[in-house]
Structure formats: structure tokens, C-alpha cells
Amino acid sequence: MSRVCELTGKKAMVGNNVSHAMNRTKRKFNANLVKKRFFIPEEDRWVTLKVCTSALKDINKKGISAVIKEAKAKGFLTK
């Protein structure tokens, strides 16, 4: 499975390692992903999602139902 947040759509970025001599080599900046279970009271069920830690902060602030609703509207979550 790819390293993509299921709620925000964040994924790996590409950049450069830059040495002291300014030599540049390609590298990857991966998203900070966590596999987490959430309880959705409206549906009375548990859901396991792979989310980035910034999405966890949004869930703590807004609630899981609101964040899932936004993700479905943006097309990130298809379940």
C-alpha cells in the first residue's frame, strides 16, 4: 500500500540532499503516517485509517465525523 494519507491526500515529496560542498543527490520526504482505529458513533462501527499526524490534530479539533465528511467531499476517501 502506498504512503498516502487517506484523509488529507498527503504523500511523499521529492527533494535533494545537499552536502557541505553543495553536491545534490535526490531524496524523498515521506509523510508522517500512522495506522489508527477510530470509532464513528453515527455508524456505530470502528474504522482503521492510515492518516498523517497533522490529520490527527484535525480529528482532535473537529471530530472524526466532520473530517471524514470533508475528505469524502474532496475525493480522498472513497469508502
C-alpha atoms as a PDB file:
ATOM      1  CA  MET A   1       0.000   0.000   0.000  1.00  0.00           C
ATOM      2  CA  SER A   2       1.281   3.455  -0.847  1.00  0.00           C
ATOM      3  CA  ARG A   3       2.377   6.058   1.668  1.00  0.00           C
ATOM      4  CA  VAL A   4      -0.618   8.380   1.265  1.00  0.00           C
ATOM      5  CA  CYS A   5      -2.818   9.870   3.995  1.00  0.00           C
ATOM      6  CA  GLU A   6      -6.388   8.672   3.482  1.00  0.00           C
ATOM      7  CA  LEU A   7      -7.943  11.870   4.869  1.00  0.00           C
ATOM      8  CA  THR A   8      -5.744  14.678   3.529  1.00  0.00           C
ATOM      9  CA  GLY A   9      -4.112  13.084   0.482  1.00  0.00           C
ATOM     10  CA  LYS A  10      -0.603  13.987   1.654  1.00  0.00           C
ATOM     11  CA  LYS A  11       2.110  11.868   0.050  1.00  0.00           C
ATOM     12  CA  ALA A  12       5.879  11.737  -0.374  1.00  0.00           C
ATOM     13  CA  MET A  13       7.700  14.747  -1.841  1.00  0.00           C
ATOM     14  CA  VAL A  14      10.990  14.675  -3.744  1.00  0.00           C
ATOM     15  CA  GLY A  15      13.922  16.921  -2.926  1.00  0.00           C
ATOM     16  CA  ASN A  16      17.682  16.999  -2.635  1.00  0.00           C
ATOM     17  CA  ASN A  17      20.271  16.067  -0.039  1.00  0.00           C
ATOM     18  CA  VAL A  18      22.743  18.946  -0.139  1.00  0.00           C
ATOM     19  CA  SER A  19      26.252  18.311   1.142  1.00  0.00           C
ATOM     20  CA  HIS A  20      28.616  20.919   2.532  1.00  0.00           C
ATOM     21  CA  ALA A  21      30.262  21.036  -0.908  1.00  0.00           C
ATOM     22  CA  MET A  22      26.794  21.730  -2.409  1.00  0.00           C
ATOM     23  CA  ASN A  23      26.620  18.311  -4.130  1.00  0.00           C
ATOM     24  CA  ARG A  24      22.987  17.387  -4.675  1.00  0.00           C
ATOM     25  CA  THR A  25      21.505  13.902  -4.622  1.00  0.00           C
ATOM     26  CA  LYS A  26      17.828  13.020  -4.831  1.00  0.00           C
ATOM     27  CA  ARG A  27      15.934  12.061  -1.685  1.00  0.00           C
ATOM     28  CA  LYS A  28      12.364  11.501  -0.578  1.00  0.00           C
ATOM     29  CA  PHE A  29      10.413  13.296   2.158  1.00  0.00           C
ATOM     30  CA  ASN A  30       7.799  10.766   3.320  1.00  0.00           C
ATOM     31  CA  ALA A  31       4.568  11.797   5.012  1.00  0.00           C
ATOM     32  CA  ASN A  32       4.434  11.096   8.757  1.00  0.00           C
ATOM     33  CA  LEU A  33       1.800   8.336   8.663  1.00  0.00           C
ATOM     34  CA  VAL A  34       0.174   6.396  11.497  1.00  0.00           C
ATOM     35  CA  LYS A  35      -2.264   3.493  11.253  1.00  0.00           C
ATOM     36  CA  LYS A  36      -5.095   4.257  13.685  1.00  0.00           C
ATOM     37  CA  ARG A  37      -8.549   2.941  14.591  1.00  0.00           C
ATOM     38  CA  PHE A  38     -11.401   5.401  15.055  1.00  0.00           C
ATOM     39  CA  PHE A  39     -14.896   4.839  16.404  1.00  0.00           C
ATOM     40  CA  ILE A  40     -17.637   6.543  14.397  1.00  0.00           C
ATOM     41  CA  PRO A  41     -20.674   6.928  16.690  1.00  0.00           C
ATOM     42  CA  GLU A  42     -23.122   7.800  13.875  1.00  0.00           C
ATOM     43  CA  GLU A  43     -22.439   4.481  12.128  1.00  0.00           C
ATOM     44  CA  ASP A  44     -21.695   2.628  15.402  1.00  0.00           C
ATOM     45  CA  ARG A  45     -18.549   0.999  13.996  1.00  0.00           C
ATOM     46  CA  TRP A  46     -14.749   1.099  14.098  1.00  0.00           C
ATOM     47  CA  VAL A  47     -12.718   2.240  11.080  1.00  0.00           C
ATOM     48  CA  THR A  48      -8.972   1.749  10.559  1.00  0.00           C
ATOM     49  CA  LEU A  49      -7.321   4.556   8.609  1.00  0.00           C
ATOM     50  CA  LYS A  50      -3.754   5.393   7.611  1.00  0.00           C
ATOM     51  CA  VAL A  51      -3.520   9.096   8.471  1.00  0.00           C
ATOM     52  CA  CYS A  52      -0.772  11.681   8.794  1.00  0.00           C
ATOM     53  CA  THR A  53      -0.186  13.232  12.193  1.00  0.00           C
ATOM     54  CA  SER A  54      -1.495  16.611  11.033  1.00  0.00           C
ATOM     55  CA  ALA A  55      -4.808  14.876  10.236  1.00  0.00           C
ATOM     56  CA  LEU A  56      -4.829  13.502  13.797  1.00  0.00           C
ATOM     57  CA  LYS A  57      -4.651  17.077  15.061  1.00  0.00           C
ATOM     58  CA  ASP A  58      -7.632  17.975  12.842  1.00  0.00           C
ATOM     59  CA  ILE A  59      -9.573  14.985  14.182  1.00  0.00           C
ATOM     60  CA  ASN A  60      -8.890  16.068  17.773  1.00  0.00           C
ATOM     61  CA  LYS A  61     -10.048  19.587  16.924  1.00  0.00           C
ATOM     62  CA  LYS A  62     -13.101  18.973  14.684  1.00  0.00           C
ATOM     63  CA  GLY A  63     -14.074  15.358  15.345  1.00  0.00           C
ATOM     64  CA  ILE A  64     -13.766  12.259  13.185  1.00  0.00           C
ATOM     65  CA  SER A  65     -17.178  12.631  11.540  1.00  0.00           C
ATOM     66  CA  ALA A  66     -16.501  16.158  10.278  1.00  0.00           C
ATOM     67  CA  VAL A  67     -13.042  15.259   8.959  1.00  0.00           C
ATOM     68  CA  ILE A  68     -14.350  12.158   7.130  1.00  0.00           C
ATOM     69  CA  LYS A  69     -17.131  14.253   5.608  1.00  0.00           C
ATOM     70  CA  GLU A  70     -14.564  16.795   4.315  1.00  0.00           C
ATOM     71  CA  ALA A  71     -12.327  14.020   2.942  1.00  0.00           C
ATOM     72  CA  LYS A  72     -15.247  12.474   1.034  1.00  0.00           C
ATOM     73  CA  ALA A  73     -16.173  15.885  -0.390  1.00  0.00           C
ATOM     74  CA  LYS A  74     -12.577  16.412  -1.611  1.00  0.00           C
ATOM     75  CA  GLY A  75     -12.437  12.880  -3.039  1.00  0.00           C
ATOM     76  CA  PHE A  76      -9.673  11.469  -0.827  1.00  0.00           C
ATOM     77  CA  LEU A  77     -11.816   8.910   0.987  1.00  0.00           C
ATOM     78  CA  THR A  78     -13.893   6.578  -1.192  1.00  0.00           C
ATOM     79  CA  LYS A  79     -15.201   4.168   1.468  1.00  0.00           C
END
